[in-house]
Amino acid sequence: MFDPRYNKSEWLSINNKWYWFKLGGRLKELSGWQDYYGKWMYHVPGDYGALKDCKYKIGGKWYTFDSNGYMISESDKE
């Protein structure tokens, strides 16, 4: 996945998840909860993508994620 022509870091949306690519096009392997400027994103362990536009059960609670991948609500029920 390395491409030396890829000279910037950026988020890319792939299969309804956000992935962070570092300089050179390498995937940054993020996992679990990550705080981005006071907002929370969840990166699926082993997949490294941040959830977006969905509800997802984590540790017995349901979390809703917006189109930017930020958690917008949590609940004990789906």
C-alpha atoms as a PDB file:
ATOM      1  CA  MET A   1       0.000   0.000   0.000  1.00  0.00           C
ATOM      2  CA  PHE A   2       3.033   2.311   0.105  1.00  0.00           C
ATOM      3  CA  ASP A   3       3.235   4.881  -2.683  1.00  0.00           C
ATOM      4  CA  PRO A   4       6.125   7.376  -2.537  1.00  0.00           C
ATOM      5  CA  ARG A   5       4.178   9.757  -4.783  1.00  0.00           C
ATOM      6  CA  TYR A   6       1.525  10.090  -2.086  1.00  0.00           C
ATOM      7  CA  ASN A   7       2.888  13.131  -0.260  1.00  0.00           C
ATOM      8  CA  LYS A   8       0.178  14.098   2.196  1.00  0.00           C
ATOM      9  CA  SER A   9      -1.642  12.708   5.210  1.00  0.00           C
ATOM     10  CA  GLU A  10      -5.410  12.514   4.988  1.00  0.00           C
ATOM     11  CA  TRP A  11      -8.617  10.757   5.919  1.00  0.00           C
ATOM     12  CA  LEU A  12     -10.236   8.609   3.224  1.00  0.00           C
ATOM     13  CA  SER A  13     -13.735   7.129   3.294  1.00  0.00           C
ATOM     14  CA  ILE A  14     -13.690   3.453   2.289  1.00  0.00           C
ATOM     15  CA  ASN A  15     -16.660   1.063   2.709  1.00  0.00           C
ATOM     16  CA  ASN A  16     -18.490   3.476   5.036  1.00  0.00           C
ATOM     17  CA  LYS A  17     -15.543   3.923   7.417  1.00  0.00           C
ATOM     18  CA  TRP A  18     -12.891   6.614   7.765  1.00  0.00           C
ATOM     19  CA  TYR A  19      -9.237   5.588   7.477  1.00  0.00           C
ATOM     20  CA  TRP A  20      -6.207   7.771   8.233  1.00  0.00           C
ATOM     21  CA  PHE A  21      -3.327   7.514   5.779  1.00  0.00           C
ATOM     22  CA  LYS A  22       0.091   8.884   6.690  1.00  0.00           C
ATOM     23  CA  LEU A  23       2.681  10.360   4.350  1.00  0.00           C
ATOM     24  CA  GLY A  24       3.591   7.851   1.668  1.00  0.00           C
ATOM     25  CA  GLY A  25       0.106   6.334   1.704  1.00  0.00           C
ATOM     26  CA  ARG A  26       0.596   4.052   4.705  1.00  0.00           C
ATOM     27  CA  LEU A  27      -2.479   3.248   6.778  1.00  0.00           C
ATOM     28  CA  LYS A  28      -2.234   4.426  10.386  1.00  0.00           C
ATOM     29  CA  GLU A  29      -3.390   1.468  12.476  1.00  0.00           C
ATOM     30  CA  LEU A  30      -5.696   3.168  14.976  1.00  0.00           C
ATOM     31  CA  SER A  31      -7.805   1.021  17.300  1.00  0.00           C
ATOM     32  CA  GLY A  32     -10.553   1.688  19.847  1.00  0.00           C
ATOM     33  CA  TRP A  33     -11.675   5.096  21.063  1.00  0.00           C
ATOM     34  CA  GLN A  34      -9.744   8.151  19.863  1.00  0.00           C
ATOM     35  CA  ASP A  35     -10.273  11.744  21.017  1.00  0.00           C
ATOM     36  CA  TYR A  36     -10.121  14.292  18.191  1.00  0.00           C
ATOM     37  CA  TYR A  37     -10.322  17.828  19.553  1.00  0.00           C
ATOM     38  CA  GLY A  38     -12.852  16.828  22.224  1.00  0.00           C
ATOM     39  CA  LYS A  39     -14.947  14.612  19.953  1.00  0.00           C
ATOM     40  CA  TRP A  40     -14.807  10.819  20.038  1.00  0.00           C
ATOM     41  CA  MET A  41     -14.345   8.373  17.163  1.00  0.00           C
ATOM     42  CA  TYR A  42     -14.210   4.590  17.393  1.00  0.00           C
ATOM     43  CA  HIS A  43     -11.744   2.657  15.229  1.00  0.00           C
ATOM     44  CA  VAL A  44     -12.707  -0.999  14.815  1.00  0.00           C
ATOM     45  CA  PRO A  45      -9.880  -3.160  16.230  1.00  0.00           C
ATOM     46  CA  GLY A  46      -8.106  -5.124  13.496  1.00  0.00           C
ATOM     47  CA  ASP A  47      -9.860  -3.120  10.764  1.00  0.00           C
ATOM     48  CA  TYR A  48      -8.581   0.333  11.831  1.00  0.00           C
ATOM     49  CA  GLY A  49     -11.486   2.180  10.200  1.00  0.00           C
ATOM     50  CA  ALA A  50     -13.508   4.747  12.158  1.00  0.00           C
ATOM     51  CA  LEU A  51     -17.233   4.060  12.117  1.00  0.00           C
ATOM     52  CA  LYS A  52     -19.544   6.575  10.425  1.00  0.00           C
ATOM     53  CA  ASP A  53     -23.267   6.939   9.671  1.00  0.00           C
ATOM     54  CA  CYS A  54     -24.232   3.994  11.867  1.00  0.00           C
ATOM     55  CA  LYS A  55     -25.126   2.533  15.250  1.00  0.00           C
ATOM     56  CA  TYR A  56     -22.614   0.101  16.716  1.00  0.00           C
ATOM     57  CA  LYS A  57     -22.557  -1.940  19.921  1.00  0.00           C
ATOM     58  CA  ILE A  58     -19.385  -1.509  21.991  1.00  0.00           C
ATOM     59  CA  GLY A  59     -18.994  -2.991  25.465  1.00  0.00           C
ATOM     60  CA  GLY A  60     -22.732  -3.568  25.933  1.00  0.00           C
ATOM     61  CA  LYS A  61     -23.801  -0.046  24.867  1.00  0.00           C
ATOM     62  CA  TRP A  62     -25.054   1.245  21.533  1.00  0.00           C
ATOM     63  CA  TYR A  63     -23.309   4.255  20.028  1.00  0.00           C
ATOM     64  CA  THR A  64     -24.434   6.399  17.093  1.00  0.00           C
ATOM     65  CA  PHE A  65     -21.833   7.926  14.772  1.00  0.00           C
ATOM     66  CA  ASP A  66     -22.370  10.806  12.348  1.00  0.00           C
ATOM     67  CA  SER A  67     -21.095  11.142   8.763  1.00  0.00           C
ATOM     68  CA  ASN A  68     -17.784  12.557  10.028  1.00  0.00           C
ATOM     69  CA  GLY A  69     -17.263   9.540  12.281  1.00  0.00           C
ATOM     70  CA  TYR A  70     -17.909  11.343  15.556  1.00  0.00           C
ATOM     71  CA  MET A  71     -19.925   9.670  18.309  1.00  0.00           C
ATOM     72  CA  ILE A  72     -23.141  11.649  18.758  1.00  0.00           C
ATOM     73  CA  SER A  73     -25.074   9.488  21.248  1.00  0.00           C
ATOM     74  CA  GLU A  74     -24.920   6.408  23.446  1.00  0.00           C
ATOM     75  CA  SER A  75     -27.681   4.194  24.800  1.00  0.00           C
ATOM     76  CA  ASP A  76     -28.238   0.906  26.607  1.00  0.00           C
ATOM     77  CA  LYS A  77     -30.827   0.018  23.938  1.00  0.00           C
ATOM     78  CA  GLU A  78     -30.633  -0.204  20.175  1.00  0.00           C
END
